[in-house]
Amino acid sequence: MIKIRRFIFFKIFKWKIIGNTDFPKKCVLIAAPHTHWIDFFLAIFARSLFVQTNVSFIGKKELFKFPLNYFLKWLGGMPVDRGSNSNSVDSIAEIFNKKETFILGISPEGTRKKVDKWRTGFYYIAKKTKVPIVSAALDFENKKILISKPYHLTNDIEKDMINLQSFFEGVKGKIPEYS
């Protein structure tokens, strides 16, 4: 089955995966730019080609309604109530601490629309759990998924955000004007 998926991804779709696919046992995986609904399915398909463990993801709780909730949870999805007073960072950190292996995929933009500034939840999750961040750039212009080496956070959020965002410079999403 993996041979068929590889054939489809690399030969028919003509995409390439470049970079470090040897993920740490625990990490936060940020994928950007997130400009179109197809990004999700591209990432899920690519994940099945090289990641030995399941990559979980969070999504707004409104998406997790019957019958879609079964499909999303099967893919590794976890609903998050972004409007509540509950602390999502603490809840997700608790999941990291309970598991021996856990990779959490997040879009740092937090939406498919163009943003001027990334949301910081992924940063605080990685900081609280002391896990590295791995970046995955979805470059539709060149049909490449670029994957970084693990990045270990410092105590300087501004420096870390500049370093993390620099990995995505020049990358064009499915809708380039949102990149």
Protein backbone atom coordinates (compact mmCIF):
# COMPACT_ATOMS: atom_id res chain seq x y z
CA MET A 1 0.00 0.00 0.00
CA ILE A 2 2.84 2.41 0.80
CA LYS A 3 4.30 1.82 -2.67
CA ILE A 4 1.02 2.87 -4.26
CA ARG A 5 0.82 6.00 -2.10
CA ARG A 6 4.43 6.90 -2.93
CA PHE A 7 3.75 6.39 -6.64
CA ILE A 8 0.69 8.65 -6.48
CA PHE A 9 2.42 11.39 -4.46
CA PHE A 10 5.77 11.45 -6.25
CA LYS A 11 4.96 10.31 -9.81
CA ILE A 12 1.37 11.36 -10.46
CA PHE A 13 1.10 14.47 -8.24
CA LYS A 14 4.85 15.18 -8.85
CA TRP A 15 5.52 16.44 -5.32
CA LYS A 16 8.84 16.13 -3.49
CA ILE A 17 9.62 15.92 0.21
CA ILE A 18 12.90 17.58 1.10
CA GLY A 19 14.57 17.66 4.48
CA ASN A 20 14.63 15.85 7.75
CA THR A 21 11.89 13.22 8.00
CA ASP A 22 13.38 11.61 11.09
CA PHE A 23 11.16 13.28 13.66
CA PRO A 24 11.84 13.30 17.40
CA LYS A 25 9.54 11.11 19.51
CA LYS A 26 7.84 14.26 20.75
CA CYS A 27 7.62 17.57 18.93
CA VAL A 28 5.34 20.30 17.71
CA LEU A 29 5.15 20.27 13.91
CA ILE A 30 4.19 23.62 12.40
CA ALA A 31 2.93 23.56 8.82
CA ALA A 32 2.58 26.72 6.74
CA PRO A 33 1.47 28.53 4.77
CA HIS A 34 -2.09 27.41 5.37
CA THR A 35 -4.04 29.08 2.57
CA HIS A 36 -6.54 26.48 1.34
CA TRP A 37 -8.51 23.47 2.60
CA ILE A 38 -6.42 21.21 0.35
CA ASP A 39 -3.35 21.86 2.59
CA PHE A 40 -4.82 19.57 5.22
CA PHE A 41 -5.27 16.65 2.85
CA LEU A 42 -1.84 17.14 1.27
CA ALA A 43 -0.26 17.07 4.73
CA ILE A 44 -2.25 13.99 5.78
CA PHE A 45 -1.26 12.18 2.56
CA ALA A 46 2.41 13.16 2.90
CA ARG A 47 2.40 12.15 6.57
CA SER A 48 1.49 8.61 5.61
CA LEU A 49 4.62 8.37 3.45
CA PHE A 50 7.34 9.09 5.95
CA VAL A 51 6.21 9.53 9.54
CA GLN A 52 6.47 6.33 11.57
CA THR A 53 4.11 7.58 14.25
CA ASN A 54 0.76 9.28 13.93
CA VAL A 55 0.76 13.06 13.79
CA SER A 56 -2.13 14.49 15.79
CA PHE A 57 -3.68 17.84 15.05
CA ILE A 58 -6.07 20.24 16.68
CA GLY A 59 -9.06 21.88 15.08
CA LYS A 60 -11.86 24.15 16.18
CA LYS A 61 -14.52 22.15 17.99
CA GLU A 62 -17.16 23.26 15.47
CA LEU A 63 -15.56 20.91 12.90
CA PHE A 64 -15.97 17.90 15.17
CA LYS A 65 -19.70 17.35 14.64
CA PHE A 66 -21.35 14.13 13.51
CA PRO A 67 -20.46 12.48 11.15
CA LEU A 68 -17.21 14.38 10.38
CA ASN A 69 -16.02 13.96 13.99
CA TYR A 70 -15.39 10.22 13.49
CA PHE A 71 -13.28 10.83 10.39
CA LEU A 72 -11.27 13.66 11.95
CA LYS A 73 -10.56 11.69 15.13
CA TRP A 74 -9.54 8.67 13.04
CA LEU A 75 -7.00 10.93 11.27
CA GLY A 76 -5.60 12.08 14.64
CA GLY A 77 -7.74 15.16 15.25
CA MET A 78 -8.50 16.66 18.62
CA PRO A 79 -11.21 19.32 19.06
CA VAL A 80 -10.26 22.57 20.80
CA ASP A 81 -12.63 25.18 22.19
CA ARG A 82 -10.82 28.36 21.19
CA GLY A 83 -13.43 30.66 22.70
CA SER A 84 -13.64 29.18 26.18
CA ASN A 85 -11.87 30.12 29.35
CA SER A 86 -10.13 26.73 29.40
CA ASN A 87 -6.41 26.77 28.84
CA SER A 88 -5.70 24.86 25.63
CA VAL A 89 -1.92 25.03 26.16
CA ASP A 90 -2.21 23.30 29.55
CA SER A 91 -4.62 20.68 28.18
CA ILE A 92 -2.36 19.83 25.25
CA ALA A 93 0.74 19.86 27.48
CA GLU A 94 -0.98 17.27 29.66
CA ILE A 95 -1.40 15.02 26.60
CA PHE A 96 2.31 15.40 25.76
CA ASN A 97 3.26 14.46 29.32
CA LYS A 98 1.09 11.33 29.32
CA LYS A 99 2.45 9.90 26.06
CA GLU A 100 5.81 8.39 25.25
CA THR A 101 5.50 9.44 21.60
CA PHE A 102 3.46 12.42 20.46
CA ILE A 103 3.72 14.73 17.46
CA LEU A 104 1.28 17.62 17.26
CA GLY A 105 0.77 19.33 13.90
CA ILE A 106 -0.45 22.92 13.98
CA SER A 107 -0.85 25.75 11.51
CA PRO A 108 0.83 28.75 13.16
CA GLU A 109 -1.45 31.14 11.26
CA GLY A 110 -4.53 29.63 12.92
CA THR A 111 -6.60 30.25 9.77
CA ARG A 112 -6.52 29.91 5.99
CA LYS A 113 -6.73 33.66 5.48
CA LYS A 114 -3.72 35.96 5.18
CA VAL A 115 -2.37 36.97 8.57
CA ASP A 116 0.16 39.59 9.59
CA LYS A 117 1.16 37.74 12.72
CA TRP A 118 1.28 34.08 13.73
CA ARG A 119 -0.66 32.85 16.72
CA THR A 120 1.62 31.75 19.55
CA GLY A 121 -0.18 28.72 21.01
CA PHE A 122 2.19 26.28 19.28
CA TYR A 123 5.15 28.13 20.78
CA TYR A 124 3.82 27.95 24.33
CA ILE A 125 2.91 24.29 23.95
CA ALA A 126 6.49 23.49 22.87
CA LYS A 127 7.89 25.69 25.62
CA LYS A 128 5.75 24.16 28.37
CA THR A 129 6.47 20.58 27.28
CA LYS A 130 10.16 21.24 26.49
CA VAL A 131 9.87 19.66 23.03
CA PRO A 132 11.42 20.96 19.80
CA ILE A 133 9.52 22.50 16.92
CA VAL A 134 9.81 21.04 13.42
CA SER A 135 8.72 23.21 10.49
CA ALA A 136 7.03 21.91 7.34
CA ALA A 137 6.59 24.32 4.44
CA LEU A 138 3.92 23.50 1.85
CA ASP A 139 5.42 25.04 -1.30
CA PHE A 140 2.75 24.74 -3.99
CA GLU A 141 4.71 26.81 -6.50
CA ASN A 142 7.54 24.25 -6.61
CA LYS A 143 5.50 21.21 -5.47
CA LYS A 144 7.76 20.61 -2.48
CA ILE A 145 7.25 19.93 1.17
CA LEU A 146 10.30 21.27 2.99
CA ILE A 147 10.99 19.91 6.45
CA SER A 148 13.37 21.50 8.94
CA LYS A 149 15.60 20.02 11.56
CA PRO A 150 14.16 20.20 15.08
CA TYR A 151 14.40 23.71 16.53
CA HIS A 152 14.94 23.98 20.29
CA LEU A 153 13.43 27.10 21.80
CA THR A 154 15.43 29.69 23.67
CA ASN A 155 14.06 32.04 26.30
CA ASP A 156 13.62 34.78 23.68
CA ILE A 157 10.23 34.52 21.92
CA GLU A 158 11.03 37.30 19.44
CA LYS A 159 14.25 35.62 18.34
CA ASP A 160 12.58 32.22 18.16
CA MET A 161 9.67 33.51 16.08
CA ILE A 162 12.06 35.22 13.64
CA ASN A 163 14.08 32.01 13.32
CA LEU A 164 10.99 29.86 12.83
CA GLN A 165 9.36 32.22 10.32
CA SER A 166 12.56 32.53 8.28
CA PHE A 167 12.21 28.87 7.26
CA PHE A 168 9.04 29.79 5.33
CA GLU A 169 10.43 32.81 3.44
CA GLY A 170 9.65 32.65 -0.26
CA VAL A 171 7.26 29.70 0.09
CA LYS A 172 4.00 30.07 -1.85
CA GLY A 173 0.83 28.42 -0.62
CA LYS A 174 -2.04 27.15 -2.76
CA ILE A 175 -3.42 30.71 -2.76
CA PRO A 176 -0.17 32.72 -3.14
CA GLU A 177 -1.64 36.06 -2.07
CA TYR A 178 -2.44 34.54 1.35
CA SER A 179 1.15 33.32 1.83
